Amino acid sequence: MKEDYFYHKDGELYCENVPVSRIAEAVGTPLYCYSSNHLKERFEAYDQAFGNKPHIVCFAIKANSNIALLNLLGRLGAGADIVSGGELYRALKAGIDVKRIVYSGVGKTEEEMAYALREDILMFNVESFDELRVLETVARKMGKKARISIRVNPDVDPKTHPYISTGLKKNKFGLPMDQALAAYKEAYDSKWLQVVGIDCHIGSQILETKPFINAIEKIKTLIERLSSLGIELSLLDLGGGLGISYGRENPPEPQDYVAKVLKVAKDMKQTIVIEPGRSICGNSGILVTRLLYIKKNSQKTFYIVDAAMNDLGRPSLYDAYHEIRPVSTKKEDEAVEVDIVGPICETGDFLARGRRLPSMNNGDLLAVMSAGAYGFTMSSNYNSRPRAAEVLVRGNSFEIVRRRETYEDLIRGEKIPNWKD
């Protein structure tokens, strides 16, 4: 399987068969560029690894919500893991099968619940007693039964960044095992709730399979207890969280992860639902930026580029590492140590610090690698900066799948009050 569709040839960085410099010339910078073939192969790596075991691969829309990418995955058979009404809207507009959509998240509103009930999604992953009771009320008012699972917090350490750890008791997500049992009993007795599954999600950017297996083993115990009470489940939602390599990591491949899951779940009759996001789209995309200025002082050299923390927040938010490559390389380029920073008025506005890169000139292009997940979806208009364009490449062709925002877009929906002094 050829996973890296971003490569240098004759000193030029390509996405599939298209020079990245050609895309930048046509579209401008900053821009996000995605490989459709990488997305396809990563999804199929999960999907095919299950063999004959009933399963649903629900792509986590929070990782990348562009409807062109969602449509590509949906046509391959992907479902969707959503956490808001807006993500449901995107999934439906992208053509994803509504019966393959699961709704996660701790703060679903009544309006969002009603929207999802009208559309008849596969199930709600319920995260609290309050949510369970509000969903029951909404379902009763609509005269519709809500299919639910309870999100269980198995208290498993995923060994990842604390901000993206979700399966420990101190995290806001899910119910502890003992409370989950009581929630299942309450839901089972409701006329307006249909208990169909169980859910857990322990974190993101997880680099080993052991935490996942530990969580499944705990969940199995609860499933057996529920069965003894006459509560039979048809769906086992294991969440997502498998990490990718940003340049230094060595995570398991999807096939390895699924093989381990099937080994521990071999005697379980439930259809398995998984919610991968980053591990499908993370290395499918790059952020392309242009070097504006070179600035030196007595301590540092700065490459000031036209992308910023509003375009890619991960370095500022998590101190995350992204490999950065020149789009065009020359053999004679001498390496220098630089901080790569953006135009935003924050010291935290950086894409990399203390990075050794070839000596470059104003106007040269840089590619921030592994930016296909939690890149554009976390971007903002901070400092009133229009958000970047997005481009999807397939073979020899590319298409703009989100146009660059304009200044007019920045104030859409705003108005000046017509007050008289």
Foldseek 3Di string as FASTA:
>chain_A
DDQFQWDDDPQFTDRFAHTVVVVCVVANDFEKEFELVNLVVQLCLQVPLCPPFFAAEAAECLFPQQLVSLLSVQVVRHHHEEAALVSVVSNVVSPHDQQRYEYEYADYDLVSLLVNQVSPHNAYAYADPVSLVSSLVSQVVVVAAGEYAFEEQDQFDLPDFPVFFARHPVHSGTYYLVVRLVSVVVQVPRPRYHYAEYEYDGGAQRAEQVSLLVSVVSVVVSQVVCVVVVRHHQEYESEEHFRDDLPPGDGDRSSVNVVSVCVSCVVPRHHYYYHYYLSSFQQRMKTKWFFADWDDDPPFIEREIADKCLQFVCCLPVVDDHDKAFSGDDPPFDWDFHWYAYDDPDPSIGRDHRDIYTDDDGGTMMIGGRQRTRGRSRHDCVVNNWYHWYWYDYNHDIDTSGHTDDSVVSCVPHDDDPDDD
